[in-house]
N, C-alpha and C. Protein backbone atom coordinates (compact mmCIF):
# COMPACT_ATOMS: atom_id res chain seq x y z
N MET A 1 137.02 50.25 149.15
CA MET A 1 135.84 50.57 149.96
C MET A 1 134.66 50.91 149.05
N GLN A 2 133.52 50.31 149.34
CA GLN A 2 132.31 50.58 148.55
C GLN A 2 131.71 51.91 148.97
N LEU A 3 131.48 52.79 148.00
CA LEU A 3 131.00 54.13 148.30
C LEU A 3 129.49 54.27 148.20
N THR A 4 128.82 53.38 147.51
CA THR A 4 127.38 53.49 147.34
C THR A 4 126.75 52.11 147.27
N PRO A 5 125.57 51.92 147.86
CA PRO A 5 124.90 50.61 147.80
C PRO A 5 124.43 50.25 146.39
N ASP A 6 124.50 51.19 145.45
CA ASP A 6 124.13 50.88 144.08
C ASP A 6 125.05 49.83 143.47
N GLU A 7 126.25 49.73 144.00
CA GLU A 7 127.24 48.81 143.43
C GLU A 7 126.95 47.35 143.77
N THR A 8 126.13 47.11 144.78
CA THR A 8 125.85 45.75 145.23
C THR A 8 124.54 45.24 144.61
N ILE A 9 124.65 44.27 143.71
CA ILE A 9 123.47 43.65 143.10
C ILE A 9 123.10 42.42 143.92
N LEU A 10 121.92 42.44 144.53
CA LEU A 10 121.49 41.35 145.40
C LEU A 10 120.87 40.20 144.63
N PHE A 11 120.06 40.53 143.61
CA PHE A 11 119.45 39.49 142.78
C PHE A 11 118.95 40.14 141.50
N THR A 12 118.55 39.30 140.57
CA THR A 12 118.01 39.80 139.30
C THR A 12 116.54 39.43 139.19
N LEU A 13 115.77 40.32 138.59
CA LEU A 13 114.34 40.10 138.41
C LEU A 13 113.98 40.44 136.97
N GLY A 14 113.67 39.40 136.19
CA GLY A 14 113.35 39.62 134.78
C GLY A 14 114.53 40.17 134.00
N GLY A 15 115.72 39.76 134.39
CA GLY A 15 116.92 40.23 133.70
C GLY A 15 117.41 41.58 134.18
N ILE A 16 116.72 42.18 135.15
CA ILE A 16 117.12 43.48 135.69
C ILE A 16 117.75 43.27 137.06
N GLY A 17 118.93 43.82 137.24
CA GLY A 17 119.62 43.68 138.52
C GLY A 17 119.00 44.57 139.59
N ILE A 18 118.65 43.97 140.70
CA ILE A 18 118.08 44.71 141.83
C ILE A 18 119.20 44.94 142.84
N ASN A 19 119.57 46.21 143.00
CA ASN A 19 120.69 46.51 143.88
C ASN A 19 120.24 46.74 145.32
N GLU A 20 121.23 46.95 146.16
CA GLU A 20 120.96 47.11 147.60
C GLU A 20 120.16 48.36 147.90
N THR A 21 120.34 49.39 147.10
CA THR A 21 119.59 50.64 147.31
C THR A 21 118.09 50.40 147.19
N ILE A 22 117.68 49.69 146.14
CA ILE A 22 116.26 49.43 145.93
C ILE A 22 115.68 48.59 147.06
N VAL A 23 116.39 47.53 147.42
CA VAL A 23 115.90 46.64 148.47
C VAL A 23 115.78 47.37 149.80
N ASN A 24 116.80 48.13 150.16
CA ASN A 24 116.77 48.84 151.44
C ASN A 24 115.73 49.95 151.46
N THR A 25 115.49 50.57 150.30
CA THR A 25 114.43 51.58 150.22
C THR A 25 113.07 50.96 150.51
N TRP A 26 112.82 49.79 149.92
CA TRP A 26 111.56 49.10 150.18
C TRP A 26 111.46 48.62 151.62
N LEU A 27 112.58 48.22 152.20
CA LEU A 27 112.57 47.80 153.60
C LEU A 27 112.17 48.96 154.51
N VAL A 28 112.72 50.15 154.24
CA VAL A 28 112.36 51.33 155.04
C VAL A 28 110.88 51.65 154.88
N MET A 29 110.37 51.60 153.65
CA MET A 29 108.95 51.89 153.42
C MET A 29 108.06 50.86 154.11
N ILE A 30 108.48 49.59 154.10
CA ILE A 30 107.69 48.54 154.75
C ILE A 30 107.66 48.76 156.26
N VAL A 31 108.81 49.09 156.84
CA VAL A 31 108.88 49.34 158.28
C VAL A 31 107.98 50.51 158.67
N LEU A 32 108.03 51.60 157.90
CA LEU A 32 107.19 52.76 158.19
C LEU A 32 105.71 52.42 158.06
N THR A 33 105.36 51.68 157.00
CA THR A 33 103.96 51.33 156.78
C THR A 33 103.41 50.42 157.87
N VAL A 34 104.18 49.37 158.19
CA VAL A 34 103.74 48.42 159.22
C VAL A 34 103.64 49.11 160.57
N ALA A 35 104.63 49.93 160.90
CA ALA A 35 104.62 50.63 162.19
C ALA A 35 103.42 51.56 162.29
N SER A 36 103.11 52.29 161.21
CA SER A 36 101.97 53.21 161.25
C SER A 36 100.65 52.46 161.40
N ILE A 37 100.55 51.30 160.75
CA ILE A 37 99.32 50.50 160.86
C ILE A 37 99.14 49.98 162.27
N ILE A 38 100.23 49.47 162.84
CA ILE A 38 100.16 48.90 164.20
C ILE A 38 99.83 49.98 165.23
N ILE A 39 100.46 51.14 165.09
CA ILE A 39 100.28 52.20 166.09
C ILE A 39 98.90 52.83 165.99
N THR A 40 98.38 52.96 164.77
CA THR A 40 97.11 53.69 164.58
C THR A 40 95.88 52.78 164.45
N ARG A 41 96.03 51.48 164.59
CA ARG A 41 94.88 50.60 164.38
C ARG A 41 93.81 50.77 165.46
N HIS A 42 94.21 51.20 166.65
CA HIS A 42 93.24 51.46 167.72
C HIS A 42 93.18 52.95 168.04
N LEU A 43 93.38 53.77 167.03
CA LEU A 43 93.41 55.22 167.24
C LEU A 43 91.98 55.75 167.29
N ARG A 44 91.40 55.67 168.50
CA ARG A 44 90.03 56.14 168.73
C ARG A 44 90.00 56.90 170.05
N PRO A 45 89.08 57.87 170.16
CA PRO A 45 89.00 58.67 171.39
C PRO A 45 88.72 57.83 172.63
N ASP A 46 88.01 56.71 172.47
CA ASP A 46 87.62 55.91 173.63
C ASP A 46 88.71 54.93 174.06
N VAL A 47 89.81 54.85 173.30
CA VAL A 47 90.90 53.94 173.63
C VAL A 47 92.04 54.74 174.25
N PRO A 48 92.45 54.43 175.49
CA PRO A 48 93.53 55.19 176.12
C PRO A 48 94.84 55.03 175.35
N PRO A 49 95.61 56.11 175.22
CA PRO A 49 96.86 56.03 174.44
C PRO A 49 97.92 55.20 175.14
N ASN A 50 98.67 54.43 174.35
CA ASN A 50 99.80 53.71 174.89
C ASN A 50 101.08 54.48 174.58
N ARG A 51 102.22 53.93 174.93
CA ARG A 51 103.48 54.66 174.77
C ARG A 51 103.83 54.88 173.30
N TRP A 52 103.46 53.91 172.42
CA TRP A 52 103.75 54.07 171.00
C TRP A 52 102.90 55.17 170.38
N ARG A 53 101.63 55.19 170.77
CA ARG A 53 100.75 56.24 170.26
C ARG A 53 101.19 57.60 170.78
N THR A 54 101.61 57.66 172.03
CA THR A 54 102.09 58.92 172.60
C THR A 54 103.33 59.40 171.86
N THR A 55 104.24 58.47 171.57
CA THR A 55 105.45 58.82 170.83
C THR A 55 105.11 59.36 169.45
N LEU A 56 104.16 58.70 168.78
CA LEU A 56 103.74 59.14 167.44
C LEU A 56 103.13 60.53 167.50
N GLU A 57 102.30 60.78 168.51
CA GLU A 57 101.66 62.08 168.64
C GLU A 57 102.69 63.18 168.89
N VAL A 58 103.71 62.86 169.67
CA VAL A 58 104.77 63.83 169.94
C VAL A 58 105.52 64.17 168.66
N ILE A 59 105.83 63.14 167.86
CA ILE A 59 106.55 63.36 166.60
C ILE A 59 105.72 64.19 165.64
N VAL A 60 104.45 63.81 165.47
CA VAL A 60 103.57 64.53 164.53
C VAL A 60 103.36 65.98 164.99
N THR A 61 103.15 66.17 166.29
CA THR A 61 102.95 67.52 166.81
C THR A 61 104.18 68.39 166.60
N ALA A 62 105.36 67.79 166.82
CA ALA A 62 106.61 68.54 166.63
C ALA A 62 106.78 68.95 165.17
N ILE A 63 106.51 68.01 164.26
CA ILE A 63 106.63 68.32 162.83
C ILE A 63 105.63 69.40 162.43
N GLN A 64 104.39 69.28 162.93
CA GLN A 64 103.36 70.25 162.59
C GLN A 64 103.70 71.64 163.11
N SER A 65 104.25 71.72 164.31
CA SER A 65 104.61 73.03 164.86
C SER A 65 105.73 73.68 164.07
N GLN A 66 106.69 72.88 163.61
CA GLN A 66 107.77 73.41 162.79
C GLN A 66 107.24 73.93 161.46
N ILE A 67 106.32 73.19 160.86
CA ILE A 67 105.75 73.60 159.57
C ILE A 67 104.95 74.90 159.73
N GLU A 68 104.19 75.01 160.82
CA GLU A 68 103.38 76.21 161.04
C GLU A 68 104.25 77.44 161.29
N GLU A 69 105.43 77.24 161.86
CA GLU A 69 106.35 78.36 162.07
C GLU A 69 106.92 78.86 160.74
N ILE A 70 107.11 77.92 159.81
CA ILE A 70 107.69 78.28 158.51
C ILE A 70 106.64 78.83 157.57
N SER A 71 105.49 78.14 157.51
CA SER A 71 104.46 78.51 156.55
C SER A 71 103.15 78.81 157.26
N PRO A 72 102.72 80.07 157.30
CA PRO A 72 101.44 80.41 157.94
C PRO A 72 100.25 79.86 157.17
N ARG A 73 100.46 79.46 155.91
CA ARG A 73 99.38 78.90 155.10
C ARG A 73 99.41 77.39 155.05
N ALA A 74 100.20 76.79 155.92
CA ALA A 74 100.38 75.34 155.87
C ALA A 74 99.06 74.60 156.05
N SER A 75 98.82 73.62 155.19
CA SER A 75 97.65 72.78 155.29
C SER A 75 98.08 71.38 155.72
N ARG A 76 97.13 70.52 155.91
CA ARG A 76 97.43 69.14 156.28
C ARG A 76 98.29 68.46 155.22
N HIS A 77 98.10 68.84 153.95
CA HIS A 77 98.84 68.20 152.87
C HIS A 77 100.34 68.49 152.99
N VAL A 78 100.70 69.67 153.46
CA VAL A 78 102.11 69.99 153.67
C VAL A 78 102.68 69.12 154.78
N LEU A 79 101.90 68.92 155.83
CA LEU A 79 102.32 68.05 156.93
C LEU A 79 102.55 66.63 156.43
N TYR A 80 101.61 66.12 155.61
CA TYR A 80 101.76 64.77 155.09
C TYR A 80 103.02 64.63 154.25
N PHE A 81 103.28 65.62 153.40
CA PHE A 81 104.42 65.53 152.48
C PHE A 81 105.75 65.71 153.22
N SER A 82 105.91 66.81 153.92
CA SER A 82 107.17 67.08 154.60
C SER A 82 107.41 66.08 155.74
N GLY A 83 106.35 65.69 156.43
CA GLY A 83 106.49 64.71 157.50
C GLY A 83 106.95 63.37 156.99
N THR A 84 106.42 62.96 155.83
CA THR A 84 106.83 61.68 155.24
C THR A 84 108.29 61.73 154.81
N LEU A 85 108.71 62.85 154.22
CA LEU A 85 110.12 63.00 153.85
C LEU A 85 111.02 62.88 155.08
N PHE A 86 110.64 63.56 156.15
CA PHE A 86 111.45 63.52 157.37
C PHE A 86 111.55 62.10 157.92
N LEU A 87 110.41 61.42 158.04
CA LEU A 87 110.41 60.08 158.62
C LEU A 87 111.20 59.09 157.76
N PHE A 88 111.07 59.20 156.44
CA PHE A 88 111.79 58.29 155.55
C PHE A 88 113.30 58.48 155.67
N ILE A 89 113.75 59.73 155.60
CA ILE A 89 115.19 60.01 155.66
C ILE A 89 115.73 59.68 157.05
N ALA A 90 114.99 60.05 158.08
CA ALA A 90 115.45 59.79 159.45
C ALA A 90 115.58 58.29 159.72
N LEU A 91 114.56 57.51 159.34
CA LEU A 91 114.61 56.07 159.58
C LEU A 91 115.71 55.42 158.74
N SER A 92 115.88 55.88 157.51
CA SER A 92 116.94 55.33 156.66
C SER A 92 118.30 55.51 157.32
N ASN A 93 118.52 56.67 157.90
CA ASN A 93 119.81 56.94 158.54
C ASN A 93 119.93 56.26 159.91
N LEU A 94 118.82 56.13 160.62
CA LEU A 94 118.87 55.48 161.93
C LEU A 94 119.16 53.98 161.81
N LEU A 95 118.70 53.37 160.72
CA LEU A 95 118.94 51.94 160.51
C LEU A 95 120.39 51.64 160.17
N LEU A 96 121.21 52.68 160.13
CA LEU A 96 122.64 52.50 159.89
C LEU A 96 123.27 51.63 160.98
N VAL A 97 122.65 51.61 162.17
CA VAL A 97 123.20 50.83 163.28
C VAL A 97 122.96 49.34 163.08
N VAL A 98 122.08 48.97 162.17
CA VAL A 98 121.82 47.56 161.89
C VAL A 98 122.98 47.00 161.07
N PRO A 99 123.63 45.94 161.54
CA PRO A 99 124.78 45.39 160.81
C PRO A 99 124.41 44.98 159.38
N GLY A 100 125.19 45.43 158.43
CA GLY A 100 124.98 45.07 157.04
C GLY A 100 124.00 45.94 156.30
N PHE A 101 123.35 46.88 157.00
CA PHE A 101 122.38 47.75 156.34
C PHE A 101 123.06 49.01 155.85
N GLU A 102 122.91 49.28 154.56
CA GLU A 102 123.43 50.50 153.97
C GLU A 102 122.24 51.44 153.70
N PRO A 103 122.23 52.63 154.29
CA PRO A 103 121.08 53.54 154.11
C PRO A 103 120.90 53.91 152.64
N PRO A 104 119.68 53.85 152.13
CA PRO A 104 119.45 54.22 150.73
C PRO A 104 119.79 55.67 150.43
N THR A 105 119.82 56.51 151.48
CA THR A 105 120.19 57.91 151.28
C THR A 105 121.67 58.07 150.95
N ALA A 106 122.45 56.97 151.05
CA ALA A 106 123.86 57.01 150.65
C ALA A 106 124.01 56.86 149.15
N SER A 107 122.89 56.72 148.45
CA SER A 107 122.90 56.62 146.99
C SER A 107 122.39 57.93 146.38
N LEU A 108 123.11 58.42 145.37
CA LEU A 108 122.71 59.66 144.72
C LEU A 108 121.37 59.49 144.00
N SER A 109 121.06 58.26 143.56
CA SER A 109 119.79 58.03 142.88
C SER A 109 118.61 58.24 143.84
N THR A 110 118.78 57.83 145.09
CA THR A 110 117.71 58.03 146.08
C THR A 110 117.55 59.50 146.43
N THR A 111 118.65 60.17 146.69
CA THR A 111 118.56 61.59 147.04
C THR A 111 118.04 62.41 145.87
N ALA A 112 118.41 62.00 144.64
CA ALA A 112 117.89 62.71 143.47
C ALA A 112 116.38 62.49 143.34
N ALA A 113 115.91 61.27 143.65
CA ALA A 113 114.47 60.99 143.60
C ALA A 113 113.72 61.80 144.64
N LEU A 114 114.29 61.93 145.83
CA LEU A 114 113.67 62.74 146.88
C LEU A 114 113.61 64.21 146.47
N ALA A 115 114.70 64.69 145.87
CA ALA A 115 114.72 66.08 145.41
C ALA A 115 113.72 66.29 144.27
N LEU A 116 113.59 65.28 143.40
CA LEU A 116 112.63 65.38 142.30
C LEU A 116 111.20 65.44 142.82
N SER A 117 110.93 64.70 143.89
CA SER A 117 109.59 64.74 144.48
C SER A 117 109.28 66.14 145.01
N VAL A 118 110.30 66.82 145.54
CA VAL A 118 110.10 68.20 146.01
C VAL A 118 109.86 69.13 144.82
N LEU A 119 110.64 68.94 143.75
CA LEU A 119 110.48 69.78 142.56
C LEU A 119 109.08 69.64 141.96
N ILE A 120 108.51 68.45 142.04
CA ILE A 120 107.16 68.23 141.51
C ILE A 120 106.11 68.78 142.48
N ALA A 121 106.36 68.60 143.78
CA ALA A 121 105.39 69.02 144.78
C ALA A 121 105.25 70.53 144.86
N VAL A 122 106.35 71.26 144.70
CA VAL A 122 106.32 72.72 144.84
C VAL A 122 105.34 73.36 143.87
N PRO A 123 105.44 73.10 142.54
CA PRO A 123 104.45 73.71 141.64
C PRO A 123 103.03 73.19 141.87
N LEU A 124 102.89 71.93 142.29
CA LEU A 124 101.55 71.40 142.56
C LEU A 124 100.88 72.15 143.71
N PHE A 125 101.63 72.37 144.78
CA PHE A 125 101.10 73.15 145.89
C PHE A 125 100.82 74.58 145.47
N GLY A 126 101.73 75.14 144.66
CA GLY A 126 101.55 76.51 144.20
C GLY A 126 100.33 76.68 143.32
N ILE A 127 100.12 75.73 142.41
CA ILE A 127 98.95 75.80 141.52
C ILE A 127 97.66 75.59 142.30
N THR A 128 97.71 74.68 143.27
CA THR A 128 96.52 74.44 144.11
C THR A 128 96.14 75.70 144.87
N ARG A 129 97.13 76.43 145.34
CA ARG A 129 96.88 77.63 146.13
C ARG A 129 96.50 78.83 145.28
N GLN A 130 97.23 79.06 144.18
CA GLN A 130 97.07 80.29 143.41
C GLN A 130 96.42 80.09 142.05
N GLY A 131 96.25 78.84 141.62
CA GLY A 131 95.78 78.59 140.28
C GLY A 131 96.97 78.60 139.31
N ILE A 132 96.76 78.01 138.12
CA ILE A 132 97.86 77.90 137.16
C ILE A 132 98.37 79.28 136.75
N ARG A 133 97.46 80.19 136.45
CA ARG A 133 97.86 81.52 136.00
C ARG A 133 98.60 82.28 137.09
N GLY A 134 98.09 82.21 138.30
CA GLY A 134 98.72 82.92 139.40
C GLY A 134 100.10 82.38 139.71
N TYR A 135 100.25 81.05 139.64
CA TYR A 135 101.55 80.46 139.94
C TYR A 135 102.57 80.78 138.85
N LEU A 136 102.18 80.63 137.59
CA LEU A 136 103.10 80.92 136.49
C LEU A 136 103.52 82.39 136.48
N LYS A 137 102.65 83.23 137.00
CA LYS A 137 102.96 84.66 137.05
C LYS A 137 104.16 84.94 137.95
N THR A 138 104.38 84.07 138.94
CA THR A 138 105.49 84.29 139.86
C THR A 138 106.85 84.15 139.17
N TYR A 139 106.86 83.46 138.03
CA TYR A 139 108.12 83.28 137.30
C TYR A 139 108.57 84.56 136.60
N ILE A 140 107.67 85.50 136.40
CA ILE A 140 108.04 86.75 135.72
C ILE A 140 107.99 87.93 136.68
N GLU A 141 108.11 87.64 137.96
CA GLU A 141 108.14 88.69 138.97
C GLU A 141 109.57 88.89 139.45
N PRO A 142 110.03 90.11 139.62
CA PRO A 142 109.30 91.38 139.48
C PRO A 142 109.16 91.86 138.03
N SER A 143 109.88 91.20 137.08
CA SER A 143 109.75 91.58 135.67
C SER A 143 109.98 90.34 134.82
N VAL A 144 109.59 90.40 133.53
CA VAL A 144 109.73 89.27 132.64
C VAL A 144 111.19 88.90 132.40
N VAL A 145 112.09 89.84 132.67
CA VAL A 145 113.52 89.57 132.51
C VAL A 145 113.98 88.45 133.44
N MET A 146 113.28 88.27 134.56
CA MET A 146 113.67 87.29 135.57
C MET A 146 113.18 85.88 135.26
N LEU A 147 112.49 85.68 134.13
CA LEU A 147 111.91 84.38 133.81
C LEU A 147 112.97 83.28 133.82
N LEU A 148 114.04 83.47 133.04
CA LEU A 148 115.09 82.45 132.93
C LEU A 148 115.75 82.21 134.28
N PHE A 149 116.01 83.27 135.02
CA PHE A 149 116.68 83.13 136.31
C PHE A 149 115.80 82.39 137.31
N ASN A 150 114.51 82.65 137.27
CA ASN A 150 113.59 81.95 138.17
C ASN A 150 113.49 80.47 137.84
N ILE A 151 113.53 80.13 136.55
CA ILE A 151 113.49 78.72 136.14
C ILE A 151 114.77 78.01 136.61
N ILE A 152 115.92 78.66 136.39
CA ILE A 152 117.18 78.08 136.84
C ILE A 152 117.19 77.90 138.35
N SER A 153 116.66 78.89 139.06
CA SER A 153 116.60 78.82 140.52
C SER A 153 115.75 77.64 140.98
N GLU A 154 114.66 77.38 140.26
CA GLU A 154 113.76 76.28 140.62
C GLU A 154 114.48 74.94 140.55
N PHE A 155 115.23 74.72 139.46
CA PHE A 155 115.93 73.46 139.30
C PHE A 155 117.16 73.35 140.19
N SER A 156 117.80 74.48 140.48
CA SER A 156 118.97 74.45 141.35
C SER A 156 118.59 74.07 142.77
N ARG A 157 117.35 74.36 143.15
CA ARG A 157 116.88 73.95 144.48
C ARG A 157 116.95 72.43 144.62
N GLY A 158 116.38 71.74 143.65
CA GLY A 158 116.38 70.28 143.69
C GLY A 158 117.78 69.71 143.65
N LEU A 159 118.64 70.29 142.82
CA LEU A 159 120.02 69.82 142.73
C LEU A 159 120.74 70.00 144.06
N SER A 160 120.54 71.15 144.69
CA SER A 160 121.21 71.40 145.97
C SER A 160 120.71 70.46 147.06
N LEU A 161 119.41 70.15 147.05
CA LEU A 161 118.86 69.21 148.03
C LEU A 161 119.49 67.83 147.89
N ALA A 162 119.57 67.35 146.64
CA ALA A 162 120.11 66.01 146.39
C ALA A 162 121.59 65.93 146.78
N ILE A 163 122.38 66.90 146.35
CA ILE A 163 123.81 66.87 146.62
C ILE A 163 124.09 67.06 148.10
N ARG A 164 123.31 67.92 148.76
CA ARG A 164 123.53 68.17 150.19
C ARG A 164 123.31 66.89 151.00
N LEU A 165 122.20 66.21 150.76
CA LEU A 165 121.89 65.00 151.51
C LEU A 165 122.88 63.89 151.19
N TYR A 166 123.15 63.69 149.91
CA TYR A 166 124.08 62.64 149.49
C TYR A 166 125.48 62.92 150.02
N GLY A 167 125.92 64.17 149.93
CA GLY A 167 127.26 64.52 150.37
C GLY A 167 127.48 64.29 151.85
N ASN A 168 126.48 64.63 152.65
CA ASN A 168 126.62 64.45 154.10
C ASN A 168 126.66 62.99 154.49
N VAL A 169 125.79 62.18 153.87
CA VAL A 169 125.79 60.76 154.19
C VAL A 169 127.08 60.10 153.72
N MET A 170 127.52 60.43 152.52
CA MET A 170 128.72 59.82 151.97
C MET A 170 129.97 60.26 152.72
N SER A 171 130.02 61.52 153.13
CA SER A 171 131.19 62.00 153.87
C SER A 171 131.33 61.23 155.18
N GLY A 172 130.20 60.94 155.82
CA GLY A 172 130.25 60.16 157.05
C GLY A 172 130.76 58.75 156.80
N ALA A 173 130.35 58.15 155.68
CA ALA A 173 130.80 56.79 155.35
C ALA A 173 132.30 56.77 155.06
N VAL A 174 132.78 57.77 154.33
CA VAL A 174 134.21 57.83 153.99
C VAL A 174 135.05 58.03 155.24
N ILE A 175 134.64 58.97 156.10
CA ILE A 175 135.39 59.22 157.34
C ILE A 175 135.40 57.98 158.22
N ALA A 176 134.25 57.29 158.29
CA ALA A 176 134.19 56.06 159.09
C ALA A 176 135.15 55.01 158.56
N GLY A 177 135.22 54.89 157.22
CA GLY A 177 136.13 53.92 156.63
C GLY A 177 137.58 54.22 156.94
N ILE A 178 137.94 55.49 156.93
CA ILE A 178 139.31 55.89 157.24
C ILE A 178 139.64 55.61 158.70
N LEU A 179 138.72 55.99 159.60
CA LEU A 179 138.97 55.80 161.02
C LEU A 179 139.00 54.32 161.41
N LEU A 180 138.20 53.51 160.71
CA LEU A 180 138.21 52.08 161.00
C LEU A 180 139.57 51.46 160.70
N GLY A 181 140.25 52.01 159.70
CA GLY A 181 141.58 51.51 159.38
C GLY A 181 142.62 51.94 160.39
N VAL A 182 142.36 53.05 161.09
CA VAL A 182 143.32 53.55 162.08
C VAL A 182 143.10 52.90 163.44
N ALA A 183 141.85 52.90 163.90
CA ALA A 183 141.54 52.33 165.21
C ALA A 183 140.20 51.62 165.12
N PRO A 184 140.19 50.37 164.69
CA PRO A 184 138.95 49.65 164.41
C PRO A 184 138.08 49.31 165.61
N PHE A 185 138.58 49.48 166.84
CA PHE A 185 137.80 49.06 168.01
C PHE A 185 137.07 50.21 168.70
N PHE A 186 137.63 51.39 168.64
CA PHE A 186 137.05 52.51 169.37
C PHE A 186 136.17 53.39 168.49
N PHE A 187 136.64 53.71 167.30
CA PHE A 187 135.96 54.68 166.45
C PHE A 187 134.60 54.22 165.92
N PRO A 188 134.35 52.92 165.71
CA PRO A 188 133.02 52.54 165.21
C PRO A 188 131.87 53.02 166.08
N VAL A 189 132.04 52.94 167.41
CA VAL A 189 130.98 53.39 168.31
C VAL A 189 130.77 54.89 168.19
N VAL A 190 131.87 55.63 168.16
CA VAL A 190 131.79 57.09 168.04
C VAL A 190 131.15 57.48 166.72
N MET A 191 131.56 56.82 165.63
CA MET A 191 131.03 57.16 164.31
C MET A 191 129.56 56.79 164.19
N ASP A 192 129.15 55.71 164.85
CA ASP A 192 127.72 55.35 164.83
C ASP A 192 126.89 56.43 165.51
N VAL A 193 127.36 56.93 166.64
CA VAL A 193 126.64 57.97 167.36
C VAL A 193 126.58 59.24 166.52
N LEU A 194 127.72 59.64 165.97
CA LEU A 194 127.75 60.83 165.13
C LEU A 194 126.92 60.65 163.87
N GLY A 195 126.92 59.43 163.33
CA GLY A 195 126.13 59.14 162.13
C GLY A 195 124.64 59.27 162.40
N LEU A 196 124.20 58.80 163.56
CA LEU A 196 122.79 58.91 163.92
C LEU A 196 122.39 60.36 164.10
N LEU A 197 123.23 61.13 164.77
CA LEU A 197 122.95 62.54 164.99
C LEU A 197 122.91 63.30 163.67
N THR A 198 123.89 63.06 162.82
CA THR A 198 123.93 63.72 161.51
C THR A 198 122.74 63.33 160.65
N GLY A 199 122.35 62.05 160.73
CA GLY A 199 121.21 61.59 159.94
C GLY A 199 119.92 62.29 160.33
N LEU A 200 119.70 62.48 161.63
CA LEU A 200 118.51 63.18 162.09
C LEU A 200 118.53 64.65 161.67
N ILE A 201 119.71 65.26 161.78
CA ILE A 201 119.84 66.67 161.39
C ILE A 201 119.57 66.84 159.90
N GLN A 202 120.10 65.94 159.08
CA GLN A 202 119.90 66.03 157.64
C GLN A 202 118.43 65.81 157.26
N ALA A 203 117.76 64.88 157.96
CA ALA A 203 116.34 64.66 157.71
C ALA A 203 115.54 65.92 158.04
N TYR A 204 115.91 66.55 159.14
CA TYR A 204 115.23 67.79 159.55
C TYR A 204 115.47 68.91 158.54
N ILE A 205 116.73 69.09 158.11
CA ILE A 205 117.05 70.15 157.17
C ILE A 205 116.34 69.93 155.84
N PHE A 206 116.33 68.71 155.35
CA PHE A 206 115.69 68.41 154.07
C PHE A 206 114.20 68.72 154.14
N ALA A 207 113.53 68.27 155.21
CA ALA A 207 112.10 68.52 155.35
C ALA A 207 111.80 70.01 155.52
N VAL A 208 112.65 70.71 156.25
CA VAL A 208 112.45 72.15 156.45
C VAL A 208 112.61 72.90 155.13
N LEU A 209 113.65 72.57 154.35
CA LEU A 209 113.85 73.23 153.07
C LEU A 209 112.69 72.96 152.11
N ALA A 210 112.19 71.72 152.12
CA ALA A 210 111.03 71.40 151.28
C ALA A 210 109.83 72.26 151.68
N THR A 211 109.64 72.43 152.98
CA THR A 211 108.53 73.25 153.46
C THR A 211 108.71 74.71 153.09
N VAL A 212 109.95 75.19 153.17
CA VAL A 212 110.24 76.58 152.79
C VAL A 212 109.92 76.81 151.32
N TYR A 213 110.32 75.88 150.46
CA TYR A 213 110.05 76.03 149.02
C TYR A 213 108.55 76.00 148.74
N ILE A 214 107.83 75.12 149.43
CA ILE A 214 106.38 75.04 149.25
C ILE A 214 105.72 76.32 149.75
N SER A 215 106.20 76.82 150.88
CA SER A 215 105.66 78.07 151.43
C SER A 215 105.86 79.22 150.46
N SER A 216 107.04 79.27 149.82
CA SER A 216 107.33 80.32 148.85
C SER A 216 106.41 80.21 147.64
N ALA A 217 106.14 78.97 147.21
CA ALA A 217 105.29 78.76 146.04
C ALA A 217 103.83 79.08 146.32
N THR A 218 103.41 78.92 147.56
CA THR A 218 102.01 79.15 147.91
C THR A 218 101.75 80.56 148.44
N ALA A 219 102.81 81.37 148.53
CA ALA A 219 102.65 82.73 149.04
C ALA A 219 101.88 83.58 148.04
N THR A 220 100.88 84.28 148.53
CA THR A 220 100.10 85.20 147.70
C THR A 220 100.60 86.60 147.96
N HIS A 221 101.28 87.16 146.97
CA HIS A 221 101.91 88.47 147.14
C HIS A 221 100.85 89.56 147.28
N GLY A 222 101.12 90.43 148.26
CA GLY A 222 100.22 91.57 148.44
C GLY A 222 99.07 91.30 149.36
N LYS A 223 98.98 90.07 149.89
CA LYS A 223 97.89 89.74 150.81
C LYS A 223 98.47 89.28 152.13
N PRO A 224 97.81 89.61 153.23
CA PRO A 224 98.32 89.15 154.52
C PRO A 224 98.19 87.65 154.63
N PRO A 225 99.14 87.00 155.31
CA PRO A 225 99.09 85.55 155.42
C PRO A 225 97.91 85.08 156.24
N GLU A 226 97.30 84.03 155.77
CA GLU A 226 96.20 83.40 156.49
C GLU A 226 96.44 81.91 156.52
N LYS A 227 96.17 81.34 157.65
CA LYS A 227 96.34 79.90 157.77
C LYS A 227 95.15 79.20 157.14
N GLU A 228 95.47 78.20 156.30
CA GLU A 228 94.39 77.47 155.65
C GLU A 228 93.73 76.55 156.66
N LYS A 229 92.49 76.25 156.38
CA LYS A 229 91.79 75.28 157.21
C LYS A 229 92.33 73.89 156.93
N ASP A 230 92.31 73.05 157.97
CA ASP A 230 92.75 71.68 157.79
C ASP A 230 91.89 70.99 156.77
N GLN A 231 92.56 70.22 155.92
CA GLN A 231 91.84 69.49 154.87
C GLN A 231 91.99 68.02 155.07
């Protein structure tokens, strides 16, 4: 049984093997980009909303409300970042129902890349909010003795995000493979439903954790929380 789409090389480009993970990642990005263009091309106050626009507004509003509950200082940039993470992971897992499609989130390289993007985004948001000096100061709080522990904690966050997402997707694939060997006619439908539900939950958890880390990095100690103006 194949455990990761990295093992499947679809074609070579300039002597470099392009595996299924890369191709499926680009397919998900293309679907998201095309869908957003189609839905928002007539996004004007004078144009009555259709069902696709209404669906998009519901999704964006739900994501924004969740972010505002977590981070009182949340700006539009946090919505763009965490919302994109959620949509990418959710769509990747939802496309599992397409025959022959292996979600890119079933590859540790993809989940590691997503976690790395969070690791890079957290200090960027923190520096933007507090300045370089203010953000670096958080690494020696409450005392300089905590410097090493805070650095380790920062990197362990990304590692935990990658392993958590990869482990959940892979565990579902392994269980499905076992059940298919036992009862190949009934369990596929059940596993597809459970896979879709788990995929949405994992997308939500990943985006929420990313928002929590960003909120922690942008927190100004000793000052009451204030919501930033939309940018």
